[in-house]
PDB file of N, CA and C in Angstrom:
ATOM      1  N   MET A   1     -17.336   5.518 -24.934  1.00  0.00           N
ATOM      2  CA  MET A   1     -17.174   5.963 -23.594  1.00  0.00           C
ATOM      3  C   MET A   1     -16.630   4.585 -23.486  1.00  0.00           C
ATOM      4  N   LEU A   2     -16.295   4.007 -24.164  1.00  0.00           N
ATOM      5  CA  LEU A   2     -15.910   2.447 -24.156  1.00  0.00           C
ATOM      6  C   LEU A   2     -14.081   2.874 -24.551  1.00  0.00           C
ATOM      7  N   GLY A   3     -14.917   3.747 -25.505  1.00  0.00           N
ATOM      8  CA  GLY A   3     -13.042   4.089 -26.680  1.00  0.00           C
ATOM      9  C   GLY A   3     -12.165   4.750 -25.513  1.00  0.00           C
ATOM     10  N   ALA A   4     -12.782   5.744 -24.160  1.00  0.00           N
ATOM     11  CA  ALA A   4     -11.498   5.993 -23.395  1.00  0.00           C
ATOM     12  C   ALA A   4     -10.387   5.469 -23.135  1.00  0.00           C
ATOM     13  N   TYR A   5     -11.184   4.049 -22.560  1.00  0.00           N
ATOM     14  CA  TYR A   5     -10.061   2.931 -22.063  1.00  0.00           C
ATOM     15  C   TYR A   5      -9.825   1.654 -22.739  1.00  0.00           C
ATOM     16  N   LEU A   6      -9.786   1.811 -24.005  1.00  0.00           N
ATOM     17  CA  LEU A   6      -9.369   1.404 -25.362  1.00  0.00           C
ATOM     18  C   LEU A   6      -7.564   1.404 -24.817  1.00  0.00           C
ATOM     19  N   PRO A   7      -6.585   2.531 -25.239  1.00  0.00           N
ATOM     20  CA  PRO A   7      -5.327   2.975 -24.449  1.00  0.00           C
ATOM     21  C   PRO A   7      -4.910   2.222 -24.077  1.00  0.00           C
ATOM     22  N   ILE A   8      -5.904   1.833 -21.983  1.00  0.00           N
ATOM     23  CA  ILE A   8      -5.581   0.863 -21.260  1.00  0.00           C
ATOM     24  C   ILE A   8      -5.664  -0.657 -21.987  1.00  0.00           C
ATOM     25  N   LEU A   9      -6.494  -0.545 -22.028  1.00  0.00           N
ATOM     26  CA  LEU A   9      -6.608  -2.472 -22.996  1.00  0.00           C
ATOM     27  C   LEU A   9      -5.128  -2.237 -23.592  1.00  0.00           C
ATOM     28  N   VAL A  10      -5.069  -1.636 -24.141  1.00  0.00           N
ATOM     29  CA  VAL A  10      -3.795  -2.144 -25.328  1.00  0.00           C
ATOM     30  C   VAL A  10      -2.587  -2.147 -24.471  1.00  0.00           C
ATOM     31  N   LEU A  11      -2.278  -1.242 -22.816  1.00  0.00           N
ATOM     32  CA  LEU A  11      -1.121  -1.129 -22.262  1.00  0.00           C
ATOM     33  C   LEU A  11      -1.156  -2.205 -21.667  1.00  0.00           C
ATOM     34  N   VAL A  12      -2.357  -2.747 -20.880  1.00  0.00           N
ATOM     35  CA  VAL A  12      -2.287  -3.736 -20.242  1.00  0.00           C
ATOM     36  C   VAL A  12      -1.860  -5.422 -20.341  1.00  0.00           C
ATOM     37  N   VAL A  13      -2.207  -5.216 -22.475  1.00  0.00           N
ATOM     38  CA  VAL A  13      -1.863  -6.293 -22.820  1.00  0.00           C
ATOM     39  C   VAL A  13      -0.720  -6.807 -23.243  1.00  0.00           C
ATOM     40  N   ILE A  14       0.172  -5.024 -23.645  1.00  0.00           N
ATOM     41  CA  ILE A  14       1.250  -5.334 -23.248  1.00  0.00           C
ATOM     42  C   ILE A  14       2.639  -5.767 -22.757  1.00  0.00           C
ATOM     43  N   ALA A  15       2.224  -4.890 -21.497  1.00  0.00           N
ATOM     44  CA  ALA A  15       2.658  -5.249 -20.888  1.00  0.00           C
ATOM     45  C   ALA A  15       2.266  -7.183 -20.391  1.00  0.00           C
ATOM     46  N   VAL A  16       1.789  -7.478 -20.386  1.00  0.00           N
ATOM     47  CA  VAL A  16       1.101  -8.745 -19.543  1.00  0.00           C
ATOM     48  C   VAL A  16       1.912 -10.072 -20.539  1.00  0.00           C
ATOM     49  N   CYS A  17       1.567  -9.503 -21.807  1.00  0.00           N
ATOM     50  CA  CYS A  17       2.776 -10.172 -23.514  1.00  0.00           C
ATOM     51  C   CYS A  17       4.658 -10.265 -22.832  1.00  0.00           C
ATOM     52  N   PHE A  18       4.800  -9.079 -22.823  1.00  0.00           N
ATOM     53  CA  PHE A  18       5.721  -8.508 -22.397  1.00  0.00           C
ATOM     54  C   PHE A  18       6.126  -9.226 -21.128  1.00  0.00           C
ATOM     55  N   GLY A  19       5.570  -9.261 -20.000  1.00  0.00           N
ATOM     56  CA  GLY A  19       5.883 -10.125 -18.776  1.00  0.00           C
ATOM     57  C   GLY A  19       5.636 -11.754 -19.395  1.00  0.00           C
ATOM     58  N   LEU A  20       4.917 -12.526 -20.134  1.00  0.00           N
ATOM     59  CA  LEU A  20       5.006 -13.520 -20.816  1.00  0.00           C
ATOM     60  C   LEU A  20       6.484 -14.128 -21.221  1.00  0.00           C
ATOM     61  N   GLY A  21       6.163 -13.642 -22.336  1.00  0.00           N
ATOM     62  CA  GLY A  21       7.151 -13.393 -23.485  1.00  0.00           C
ATOM     63  C   GLY A  21       9.175 -12.786 -22.532  1.00  0.00           C
ATOM     64  N   SER A  22       8.937 -12.318 -22.147  1.00  0.00           N
ATOM     65  CA  SER A  22      10.197 -12.286 -21.442  1.00  0.00           C
ATOM     66  C   SER A  22      10.631 -14.226 -20.362  1.00  0.00           C
ATOM     67  N   VAL A  23       9.267 -13.624 -19.369  1.00  0.00           N
ATOM     68  CA  VAL A  23       9.580 -15.532 -19.118  1.00  0.00           C
ATOM     69  C   VAL A  23       9.980 -16.999 -19.522  1.00  0.00           C
ATOM     70  N   VAL A  24       9.462 -16.493 -20.981  1.00  0.00           N
ATOM     71  CA  VAL A  24       8.991 -17.732 -22.322  1.00  0.00           C
ATOM     72  C   VAL A  24      10.344 -17.613 -22.537  1.00  0.00           C
ATOM     73  N   PHE A  25      11.098 -16.574 -23.123  1.00  0.00           N
ATOM     74  CA  PHE A  25      11.957 -16.493 -24.091  1.00  0.00           C
ATOM     75  C   PHE A  25      13.110 -16.814 -22.768  1.00  0.00           C
ATOM     76  N   SER A  26      13.303 -16.210 -21.521  1.00  0.00           N
ATOM     77  CA  SER A  26      13.982 -16.643 -20.380  1.00  0.00           C
ATOM     78  C   SER A  26      14.949 -18.150 -20.925  1.00  0.00           C
ATOM     79  N   THR A  27      13.297 -18.948 -20.989  1.00  0.00           N
ATOM     80  CA  THR A  27      13.220 -19.777 -20.393  1.00  0.00           C
ATOM     81  C   THR A  27      13.660 -20.734 -21.327  1.00  0.00           C
ATOM     82  N   LEU A  28      13.681 -20.633 -22.837  1.00  0.00           N
ATOM     83  CA  LEU A  28      13.677 -20.965 -24.284  1.00  0.00           C
ATOM     84  C   LEU A  28      16.055 -21.445 -24.486  1.00  0.00           C
ATOM     85  N   ILE A  29      16.385 -20.219 -23.837  1.00  0.00           N
ATOM     86  CA  ILE A  29      17.234 -19.720 -24.349  1.00  0.00           C
ATOM     87  C   ILE A  29      18.190 -19.764 -23.029  1.00  0.00           C
ATOM     88  N   GLY A  30      17.947 -19.463 -21.550  1.00  0.00           N
ATOM     89  CA  GLY A  30      18.663 -19.195 -20.887  1.00  0.00           C
ATOM     90  C   GLY A  30      19.557 -21.131 -20.152  1.00  0.00           C
ATOM     91  N   GLN A  31      20.657 -20.504 -19.763  1.00  0.00           N
ATOM     92  CA  GLN A  31      21.686 -21.698 -19.334  1.00  0.00           C
ATOM     93  C   GLN A  31      20.758 -22.269 -17.919  1.00  0.00           C
ATOM     94  N   LYS A  32      21.414 -23.473 -17.997  1.00  0.00           N
ATOM     95  CA  LYS A  32      20.808 -24.736 -16.987  1.00  0.00           C
ATOM     96  C   LYS A  32      21.442 -25.286 -16.500  1.00  0.00           C
ATOM     97  N   LYS A  33      22.694 -24.784 -15.924  1.00  0.00           N
ATOM     98  CA  LYS A  33      23.905 -25.615 -15.429  1.00  0.00           C
ATOM     99  C   LYS A  33      23.851 -25.550 -13.806  1.00  0.00           C
ATOM    100  N   PRO A  34      22.781 -26.016 -13.021  1.00  0.00           N
ATOM    101  CA  PRO A  34      22.770 -26.181 -11.472  1.00  0.00           C
ATOM    102  C   PRO A  34      23.905 -26.595 -11.048  1.00  0.00           C
ATOM    103  N   SER A  35      24.795 -25.803  -9.875  1.00  0.00           N
ATOM    104  CA  SER A  35      25.635 -26.551  -9.552  1.00  0.00           C
ATOM    105  C   SER A  35      25.240 -26.194  -7.749  1.00  0.00           C
ATOM    106  N   GLN A  36      26.006 -26.600  -6.594  1.00  0.00           N
ATOM    107  CA  GLN A  36      26.300 -27.086  -5.037  1.00  0.00           C
ATOM    108  C   GLN A  36      26.026 -25.289  -5.112  1.00  0.00           C
ATOM    109  N   VAL A  37      27.604 -24.791  -5.163  1.00  0.00           N
ATOM    110  CA  VAL A  37      27.311 -23.013  -5.151  1.00  0.00           C
ATOM    111  C   VAL A  37      25.924 -22.161  -5.853  1.00  0.00           C
ATOM    112  N   LYS A  38      25.137 -22.768  -7.015  1.00  0.00           N
ATOM    113  CA  LYS A  38      24.396 -21.813  -7.101  1.00  0.00           C
ATOM    114  C   LYS A  38      23.261 -22.370  -7.048  1.00  0.00           C
ATOM    115  N   LEU A  39      23.188 -23.550  -6.283  1.00  0.00           N
ATOM    116  CA  LEU A  39      21.853 -23.629  -5.207  1.00  0.00           C
ATOM    117  C   LEU A  39      22.534 -23.765  -4.066  1.00  0.00           C
ATOM    118  N   ALA A  40      23.737 -23.474  -2.950  1.00  0.00           N
ATOM    119  CA  ALA A  40      23.474 -22.368  -2.531  1.00  0.00           C
ATOM    120  C   ALA A  40      22.251 -21.399  -1.592  1.00  0.00           C
ATOM    121  N   PRO A  41      22.069 -21.325  -0.208  1.00  0.00           N
ATOM    122  CA  PRO A  41      21.887 -19.706   0.250  1.00  0.00           C
ATOM    123  C   PRO A  41      22.368 -19.288   0.608  1.00  0.00           C
ATOM    124  N   TYR A  42      22.526 -17.699  -0.581  1.00  0.00           N
ATOM    125  CA  TYR A  42      23.625 -16.111  -0.179  1.00  0.00           C
ATOM    126  C   TYR A  42      22.962 -15.542   1.329  1.00  0.00           C
ATOM    127  N   GLU A  43      24.156 -15.135   1.898  1.00  0.00           N
ATOM    128  CA  GLU A  43      24.048 -14.644   2.988  1.00  0.00           C
ATOM    129  C   GLU A  43      25.167 -13.128   2.926  1.00  0.00           C
ATOM    130  N   CYS A  44      24.867 -12.335   2.443  1.00  0.00           N
ATOM    131  CA  CYS A  44      26.056 -11.362   2.278  1.00  0.00           C
ATOM    132  C   CYS A  44      26.923 -11.005   1.599  1.00  0.00           C
ATOM    133  N   GLY A  45      26.868 -12.669   0.981  1.00  0.00           N
ATOM    134  CA  GLY A  45      28.262 -12.357   0.564  1.00  0.00           C
ATOM    135  C   GLY A  45      29.833 -14.278   1.483  1.00  0.00           C
ATOM    136  N   CYS A  46      28.834 -13.822   3.022  1.00  0.00           N
ATOM    137  CA  CYS A  46      29.657 -15.071   3.459  1.00  0.00           C
ATOM    138  C   CYS A  46      29.414 -16.502   3.695  1.00  0.00           C
ATOM    139  N   GLU A  47      29.851 -17.655   4.307  1.00  0.00           N
ATOM    140  CA  GLU A  47      29.113 -18.489   4.483  1.00  0.00           C
ATOM    141  C   GLU A  47      27.993 -18.175   5.455  1.00  0.00           C
ATOM    142  N   PRO A  48      27.107 -19.395   4.087  1.00  0.00           N
ATOM    143  CA  PRO A  48      25.947 -19.618   5.101  1.00  0.00           C
ATOM    144  C   PRO A  48      26.713 -20.479   6.688  1.00  0.00           C
ATOM    145  N   VAL A  49      24.811 -19.852   8.065  1.00  0.00           N
ATOM    146  CA  VAL A  49      25.919 -20.851   8.589  1.00  0.00           C
ATOM    147  C   VAL A  49      24.350 -21.155   9.123  1.00  0.00           C
ATOM    148  N   GLY A  50      23.953 -22.588   9.329  1.00  0.00           N
ATOM    149  CA  GLY A  50      23.298 -23.509   9.949  1.00  0.00           C
ATOM    150  C   GLY A  50      22.326 -23.500   8.569  1.00  0.00           C
ATOM    151  N   SER A  51      21.190 -23.996   8.565  1.00  0.00           N
ATOM    152  CA  SER A  51      19.777 -24.367   7.335  1.00  0.00           C
ATOM    153  C   SER A  51      18.821 -22.733   7.046  1.00  0.00           C
ATOM    154  N   ALA A  52      18.753 -23.198   5.847  1.00  0.00           N
ATOM    155  CA  ALA A  52      18.266 -22.425   5.888  1.00  0.00           C
ATOM    156  C   ALA A  52      16.650 -21.673   5.650  1.00  0.00           C
ATOM    157  N   ARG A  53      16.302 -23.391   6.461  1.00  0.00           N
ATOM    158  CA  ARG A  53      14.500 -23.632   6.750  1.00  0.00           C
ATOM    159  C   ARG A  53      14.901 -22.971   8.521  1.00  0.00           C
ATOM    160  N   GLU A  54      15.367 -22.144   9.781  1.00  0.00           N
ATOM    161  CA  GLU A  54      15.512 -22.228  10.260  1.00  0.00           C
ATOM    162  C   GLU A  54      14.250 -21.160  10.485  1.00  0.00           C
ATOM    163  N   ARG A  55      13.445 -22.606  11.471  1.00  0.00           N
ATOM    164  CA  ARG A  55      11.911 -21.160  12.342  1.00  0.00           C
ATOM    165  C   ARG A  55      12.396 -20.568  13.214  1.00  0.00           C
ATOM    166  N   PHE A  56      11.938 -18.998  12.803  1.00  0.00           N
ATOM    167  CA  PHE A  56      11.887 -17.852  14.204  1.00  0.00           C
ATOM    168  C   PHE A  56      10.161 -18.344  14.649  1.00  0.00           C
ATOM    169  N   SER A  57      10.792 -17.391  16.362  1.00  0.00           N
ATOM    170  CA  SER A  57      10.322 -16.806  17.222  1.00  0.00           C
ATOM    171  C   SER A  57       9.113 -16.573  16.232  1.00  0.00           C
ATOM    172  N   VAL A  58       7.571 -17.000  17.226  1.00  0.00           N
ATOM    173  CA  VAL A  58       6.662 -15.753  16.957  1.00  0.00           C
ATOM    174  C   VAL A  58       7.074 -14.183  17.727  1.00  0.00           C
ATOM    175  N   LYS A  59       7.660 -14.466  18.180  1.00  0.00           N
ATOM    176  CA  LYS A  59       7.826 -12.681  19.343  1.00  0.00           C
ATOM    177  C   LYS A  59       8.785 -11.671  17.974  1.00  0.00           C
ATOM    178  N   PHE A  60       8.997 -12.764  17.470  1.00  0.00           N
ATOM    179  CA  PHE A  60       9.726 -11.892  16.460  1.00  0.00           C
ATOM    180  C   PHE A  60       8.623 -11.327  15.816  1.00  0.00           C
ATOM    181  N   TYR A  61       7.532 -12.045  14.663  1.00  0.00           N
ATOM    182  CA  TYR A  61       6.375 -11.598  13.456  1.00  0.00           C
ATOM    183  C   TYR A  61       5.457 -10.633  14.940  1.00  0.00           C
ATOM    184  N   LEU A  62       5.519 -10.801  15.281  1.00  0.00           N
ATOM    185  CA  LEU A  62       4.655 -10.171  16.498  1.00  0.00           C
ATOM    186  C   LEU A  62       5.973  -8.197  16.367  1.00  0.00           C
ATOM    187  N   ILE A  63       6.566  -8.501  17.300  1.00  0.00           N
ATOM    188  CA  ILE A  63       7.446  -7.173  16.996  1.00  0.00           C
ATOM    189  C   ILE A  63       7.408  -7.003  15.493  1.00  0.00           C
ATOM    190  N   ALA A  64       7.220  -7.345  14.633  1.00  0.00           N
ATOM    191  CA  ALA A  64       7.317  -7.335  13.711  1.00  0.00           C
ATOM    192  C   ALA A  64       6.665  -6.163  13.133  1.00  0.00           C
ATOM    193  N   MET A  65       5.174  -6.987  13.795  1.00  0.00           N
ATOM    194  CA  MET A  65       4.080  -6.805  13.233  1.00  0.00           C
ATOM    195  C   MET A  65       3.411  -5.087  14.376  1.00  0.00           C
ATOM    196  N   LEU A  66       4.411  -5.423  14.895  1.00  0.00           N
ATOM    197  CA  LEU A  66       3.653  -4.344  16.042  1.00  0.00           C
ATOM    198  C   LEU A  66       4.892  -3.508  15.671  1.00  0.00           C
ATOM    199  N   PHE A  67       5.917  -2.685  15.028  1.00  0.00           N
ATOM    200  CA  PHE A  67       6.723  -1.746  14.559  1.00  0.00           C
ATOM    201  C   PHE A  67       5.873  -1.628  12.825  1.00  0.00           C
ATOM    202  N   ILE A  68       4.991  -1.873  12.320  1.00  0.00           N
ATOM    203  CA  ILE A  68       4.600  -1.735  11.105  1.00  0.00           C
ATOM    204  C   ILE A  68       2.967  -0.506  12.106  1.00  0.00           C
ATOM    205  N   LEU A  69       2.649  -1.175  12.572  1.00  0.00           N
ATOM    206  CA  LEU A  69       2.006  -0.405  13.391  1.00  0.00           C
ATOM    207  C   LEU A  69       1.811   1.161  13.681  1.00  0.00           C
ATOM    208  N   PHE A  70       2.806   0.862  14.412  1.00  0.00           N
ATOM    209  CA  PHE A  70       3.053   1.879  15.383  1.00  0.00           C
ATOM    210  C   PHE A  70       4.345   3.138  13.947  1.00  0.00           C
ATOM    211  N   ASP A  71       4.285   2.509  12.720  1.00  0.00           N
ATOM    212  CA  ASP A  71       5.106   2.970  11.973  1.00  0.00           C
ATOM    213  C   ASP A  71       4.015   3.312  10.858  1.00  0.00           C
ATOM    214  N   ILE A  72       2.898   3.084  11.061  1.00  0.00           N
ATOM    215  CA  ILE A  72       1.602   4.002  10.317  1.00  0.00           C
ATOM    216  C   ILE A  72       1.148   5.022  10.603  1.00  0.00           C
ATOM    217  N   GLU A  73       0.987   5.082  12.262  1.00  0.00           N
ATOM    218  CA  GLU A  73       1.007   6.481  13.154  1.00  0.00           C
ATOM    219  C   GLU A  73       1.859   7.526  12.423  1.00  0.00           C
ATOM    220  N   ALA A  74       3.275   7.015  12.426  1.00  0.00           N
ATOM    221  CA  ALA A  74       3.811   8.333  11.963  1.00  0.00           C
ATOM    222  C   ALA A  74       3.519   8.595  10.782  1.00  0.00           C
ATOM    223  N   VAL A  75       2.680   7.787   9.741  1.00  0.00           N
ATOM    224  CA  VAL A  75       2.281   8.261   8.860  1.00  0.00           C
ATOM    225  C   VAL A  75       0.774   8.653   8.014  1.00  0.00           C
ATOM    226  N   PHE A  76       0.008   9.082   9.465  1.00  0.00           N
ATOM    227  CA  PHE A  76      -0.890   9.407   9.319  1.00  0.00           C
ATOM    228  C   PHE A  76      -0.881  10.930  10.092  1.00  0.00           C
ATOM    229  N   LEU A  77       0.352  11.069  11.387  1.00  0.00           N
ATOM    230  CA  LEU A  77       0.374  12.169  11.460  1.00  0.00           C
ATOM    231  C   LEU A  77       1.236  12.880  11.079  1.00  0.00           C
ATOM    232  N   TYR A  78       2.137  12.824  10.384  1.00  0.00           N
ATOM    233  CA  TYR A  78       3.044  13.934   8.843  1.00  0.00           C
ATOM    234  C   TYR A  78       1.687  14.648   7.880  1.00  0.00           C
ATOM    235  N   PRO A  79       0.573  13.666   7.035  1.00  0.00           N
ATOM    236  CA  PRO A  79       0.140  14.531   6.812  1.00  0.00           C
ATOM    237  C   PRO A  79      -1.354  15.836   7.432  1.00  0.00           C
ATOM    238  N   TRP A  80      -1.795  15.257   8.727  1.00  0.00           N
ATOM    239  CA  TRP A  80      -2.010  15.759   9.444  1.00  0.00           C
ATOM    240  C   TRP A  80      -1.427  17.168  10.399  1.00  0.00           C
ATOM    241  N   ALA A  81       0.037  17.430  10.224  1.00  0.00           N
ATOM    242  CA  ALA A  81       0.410  18.045  10.704  1.00  0.00           C
ATOM    243  C   ALA A  81       0.451  18.954   9.247  1.00  0.00           C
ATOM    244  N   VAL A  82       0.697  18.309   8.289  1.00  0.00           N
ATOM    245  CA  VAL A  82       0.978  19.991   7.052  1.00  0.00           C
ATOM    246  C   VAL A  82      -0.360  20.726   7.167  1.00  0.00           C
ATOM    247  N   LEU A  83      -1.283  20.275   7.431  1.00  0.00           N
ATOM    248  CA  LEU A  83      -2.674  21.154   7.341  1.00  0.00           C
ATOM    249  C   LEU A  83      -3.509  21.189   8.621  1.00  0.00           C
ATOM    250  N   PHE A  84      -3.137  20.954   9.211  1.00  0.00           N
ATOM    251  CA  PHE A  84      -3.150  21.972  10.985  1.00  0.00           C
ATOM    252  C   PHE A  84      -3.912  22.604  11.602  1.00  0.00           C
ATOM    253  N   LYS A  85      -3.951  23.620  10.279  1.00  0.00           N
ATOM    254  CA  LYS A  85      -4.553  24.786  10.681  1.00  0.00           C
ATOM    255  C   LYS A  85      -5.698  25.024   9.526  1.00  0.00           C
ATOM    256  N   ARG A  86      -5.659  24.295   8.686  1.00  0.00           N
ATOM    257  CA  ARG A  86      -6.868  24.486   8.140  1.00  0.00           C
ATOM    258  C   ARG A  86      -7.977  23.143   8.673  1.00  0.00           C
ATOM    259  N   LEU A  87      -7.634  22.210   9.398  1.00  0.00           N
ATOM    260  CA  LEU A  87      -8.031  20.844  10.175  1.00  0.00           C
ATOM    261  C   LEU A  87      -9.174  22.005  11.331  1.00  0.00           C
ATOM    262  N   GLY A  88      -8.086  22.535  11.905  1.00  0.00           N
ATOM    263  CA  GLY A  88      -8.794  23.773  13.504  1.00  0.00           C
ATOM    264  C   GLY A  88      -8.414  22.308  14.383  1.00  0.00           C
ATOM    265  N   MET A  89     -10.314  22.869  14.992  1.00  0.00           N
ATOM    266  CA  MET A  89      -9.946  22.224  16.668  1.00  0.00           C
ATOM    267  C   MET A  89     -10.537  20.692  15.934  1.00  0.00           C
ATOM    268  N   PHE A  90     -11.524  20.460  14.823  1.00  0.00           N
ATOM    269  CA  PHE A  90     -12.097  18.780  15.308  1.00  0.00           C
ATOM    270  C   PHE A  90     -10.708  17.864  13.835  1.00  0.00           C
ATOM    271  N   GLY A  91     -10.424  18.940  13.887  1.00  0.00           N
ATOM    272  CA  GLY A  91      -8.781  18.237  13.088  1.00  0.00           C
ATOM    273  C   GLY A  91      -7.838  18.248  14.320  1.00  0.00           C
ATOM    274  N   LEU A  92      -8.315  18.334  15.075  1.00  0.00           N
ATOM    275  CA  LEU A  92      -7.020  18.837  16.670  1.00  0.00           C
ATOM    276  C   LEU A  92      -7.527  17.748  17.594  1.00  0.00           C
ATOM    277  N   ILE A  93      -8.817  17.578  17.526  1.00  0.00           N
ATOM    278  CA  ILE A  93      -9.460  16.306  18.440  1.00  0.00           C
ATOM    279  C   ILE A  93      -9.251  14.628  17.941  1.00  0.00           C
ATOM    280  N   GLU A  94      -9.837  14.518  16.307  1.00  0.00           N
ATOM    281  CA  GLU A  94      -9.571  13.539  15.596  1.00  0.00           C
ATOM    282  C   GLU A  94      -8.616  13.516  16.511  1.00  0.00           C
ATOM    283  N   MET A  95      -6.606  13.400  16.076  1.00  0.00           N
ATOM    284  CA  MET A  95      -5.768  13.132  16.168  1.00  0.00           C
ATOM    285  C   MET A  95      -6.392  13.141  17.647  1.00  0.00           C
ATOM    286  N   GLY A  96      -6.340  13.909  18.331  1.00  0.00           N
ATOM    287  CA  GLY A  96      -6.357  12.982  19.945  1.00  0.00           C
ATOM    288  C   GLY A  96      -6.880  11.965  20.368  1.00  0.00           C
ATOM    289  N   VAL A  97      -7.846  11.522  19.212  1.00  0.00           N
ATOM    290  CA  VAL A  97      -8.691  10.545  19.346  1.00  0.00           C
ATOM    291  C   VAL A  97      -7.522   8.944  18.899  1.00  0.00           C
ATOM    292  N   PHE A  98      -6.739   9.312  18.051  1.00  0.00           N
ATOM    293  CA  PHE A  98      -6.059   8.977  17.383  1.00  0.00           C
ATOM    294  C   PHE A  98      -5.060   8.030  18.448  1.00  0.00           C
ATOM    295  N   ILE A  99      -4.723   9.310  18.723  1.00  0.00           N
ATOM    296  CA  ILE A  99      -3.288   9.489  19.872  1.00  0.00           C
ATOM    297  C   ILE A  99      -3.752   7.828  20.719  1.00  0.00           C
ATOM    298  N   VAL A 100      -4.924   8.220  22.007  1.00  0.00           N
ATOM    299  CA  VAL A 100      -5.158   7.840  22.528  1.00  0.00           C
ATOM    300  C   VAL A 100      -5.305   6.407  22.213  1.00  0.00           C
ATOM    301  N   ILE A 101      -6.401   5.869  20.912  1.00  0.00           N
ATOM    302  CA  ILE A 101      -6.890   4.838  20.342  1.00  0.00           C
ATOM    303  C   ILE A 101      -5.185   3.804  21.099  1.00  0.00           C
ATOM    304  N   LEU A 102      -4.394   4.772  20.077  1.00  0.00           N
ATOM    305  CA  LEU A 102      -2.610   3.672  19.586  1.00  0.00           C
ATOM    306  C   LEU A 102      -2.245   3.484  20.864  1.00  0.00           C
ATOM    307  N   PHE A 103      -2.431   4.569  21.531  1.00  0.00           N
ATOM    308  CA  PHE A 103      -1.809   3.734  23.424  1.00  0.00           C
ATOM    309  C   PHE A 103      -2.237   3.817  24.018  1.00  0.00           C
ATOM    310  N   VAL A 104      -3.407   3.259  24.275  1.00  0.00           N
ATOM    311  CA  VAL A 104      -4.128   2.377  24.695  1.00  0.00           C
ATOM    312  C   VAL A 104      -3.980   1.308  24.646  1.00  0.00           C
ATOM    313  N   GLY A 105      -4.058   0.792  23.017  1.00  0.00           N
ATOM    314  CA  GLY A 105      -2.903  -0.291  22.055  1.00  0.00           C
ATOM    315  C   GLY A 105      -1.887  -0.190  22.361  1.00  0.00           C
ATOM    316  N   TYR A 106      -0.653   0.278  23.278  1.00  0.00           N
ATOM    317  CA  TYR A 106       0.189   0.080  23.470  1.00  0.00           C
ATOM    318  C   TYR A 106       0.568  -0.181  24.403  1.00  0.00           C
ATOM    319  N   VAL A 107      -0.537   0.049  25.874  1.00  0.00           N
ATOM    320  CA  VAL A 107      -0.260  -0.336  27.258  1.00  0.00           C
ATOM    321  C   VAL A 107      -0.801  -0.942  27.200  1.00  0.00           C
ATOM    322  N   TYR A 108      -2.244  -1.977  26.519  1.00  0.00           N
ATOM    323  CA  TYR A 108      -1.930  -3.776  25.963  1.00  0.00           C
ATOM    324  C   TYR A 108      -0.821  -4.165  25.931  1.00  0.00           C
ATOM    325  N   VAL A 109      -0.331  -3.644  24.987  1.00  0.00           N
ATOM    326  CA  VAL A 109       0.576  -4.795  24.393  1.00  0.00           C
ATOM    327  C   VAL A 109       1.763  -4.961  25.017  1.00  0.00           C
ATOM    328  N   TRP A 110       2.011  -3.917  26.132  1.00  0.00           N
ATOM    329  CA  TRP A 110       2.969  -3.559  26.660  1.00  0.00           C
ATOM    330  C   TRP A 110       2.796  -4.156  28.186  1.00  0.00           C
ATOM    331  N   LYS A 111       1.913  -3.926  29.164  1.00  0.00           N
ATOM    332  CA  LYS A 111       1.369  -5.047  29.672  1.00  0.00           C
ATOM    333  C   LYS A 111       0.894  -6.856  29.267  1.00  0.00           C
ATOM    334  N   LYS A 112       1.221  -7.247  28.442  1.00  0.00           N
ATOM    335  CA  LYS A 112       0.971  -8.526  28.133  1.00  0.00           C
ATOM    336  C   LYS A 112       1.913  -8.737  28.110  1.00  0.00           C
ATOM    337  N   GLY A 113       3.026  -7.893  27.943  1.00  0.00           N
ATOM    338  CA  GLY A 113       4.742  -8.494  27.662  1.00  0.00           C
ATOM    339  C   GLY A 113       5.027  -9.292  25.910  1.00  0.00           C
ATOM    340  N   ALA A 114       4.520  -7.820  24.934  1.00  0.00           N
ATOM    341  CA  ALA A 114       4.798  -8.556  23.889  1.00  0.00           C
ATOM    342  C   ALA A 114       6.074  -8.358  23.462  1.00  0.00           C
ATOM    343  N   LEU A 115       6.557  -6.780  24.474  1.00  0.00           N
ATOM    344  CA  LEU A 115       8.213  -5.803  24.469  1.00  0.00           C
ATOM    345  C   LEU A 115       8.838  -6.733  24.442  1.00  0.00           C
ATOM    346  N   GLU A 116       8.781  -8.370  25.110  1.00  0.00           N
ATOM    347  CA  GLU A 116      10.247  -8.434  25.809  1.00  0.00           C
ATOM    348  C   GLU A 116      10.530  -9.453  25.158  1.00  0.00           C
ATOM    349  N   TRP A 117      11.949  -9.824  25.405  1.00  0.00           N
ATOM    350  CA  TRP A 117      13.434 -10.616  24.174  1.00  0.00           C
ATOM    351  C   TRP A 117      13.425 -11.452  25.097  1.00  0.00           C
ATOM    352  N   GLU A 118      12.779 -12.291  25.896  1.00  0.00           N
ATOM    353  CA  GLU A 118      13.203 -13.520  26.789  1.00  0.00           C
ATOM    354  C   GLU A 118      13.996 -14.494  25.711  1.00  0.00           C
TER     355      GLU A 118
END
């Protein structure tokens, strides 16, 4: 039975050896000529403005997490819509509960002022 997993083990060993070999090989033969231009942060072909270590407001990360949360809602809505007729009333009720939970979370976030850009 373990013989069936041998091709997977061989593939993992080859993949690890290739990854490590590529890193070691490029380290050994690669050119190492750092310059001021190469060490500068790249910003879409424009001259960098300010420090690359600038701190972002926590509000930025909060908005990003909320966007991901409500974006995942759309990911769950698509398969439900495809199977809507097969799921019947049970599927409709389950999706209704899901939407209500997300809506309550949205109202909570809105009332807390997390969506304000002050």
